[in-house]
Amino acid sequence: MVSRFVLGLTGALMTLAATNVAAQETSTNQVAAKTDWSVFEEQSPRECWAVSSPKETVNTKEGRVVAVRRGSILLMAFFRPEAGVAGQITFTGGYPFASGSTVNLNIDGTEFELFTEGEWAWPASPSEDAKILTAMKRGQTAILTARSSRGTTTKDTFSLSGFTAAVEDAEKRCE
């Protein structure tokens, strides 16, 4: 059973993630590019994030590849010192996820589970964020597999080339 504290924390993290993604989509404050990852910084509220788009996307339904329209597909790690957020992993697949579904995050064979609400997915806890950050720093690729509210399975492959430099840059900017 999930505690009310966890649900409240999850809601707060989702709000922060949503704010950050919206900021990334509209921000002109890109401060660095590290191979396949970019670093953004905002002053008010103070937040910094590393973000990337997938190198490959495959959408399937009933075992067949299908064409679908999706919004922004982003994988991020962000820092917001005023809210005590440090290295939160967030993923948006560009569509509403199936209700009650999870996203599978596979980093070079190591699997993690991300919880979903609406168009957002994130780990269950800050300790899980830390494990994922470590795996991403060591890894080559991150593959996120999810299911949309329309029953489409999506598989998005992200390069982790430049991730370590980008996330360390973002963290340092928001110390």
Foldseek 3Di string as FASTA:
>chain_A
DDDPVLVVVVVVVVVVVVVVVVCVVVPPQFDDDFPQWTKGFDVVQGKIKIKGAFPDKFKDAPRDTDDDDFAGWMWMFMDRVVVPGAGWIKTFHRAFFAPPWWKWKAFPRDIDIWDHDGRMTTHSDPVVSVVVLVSLVVGAKIWIWGAHNVGMIMITIHGSRRVVVRSVVRRVSRD
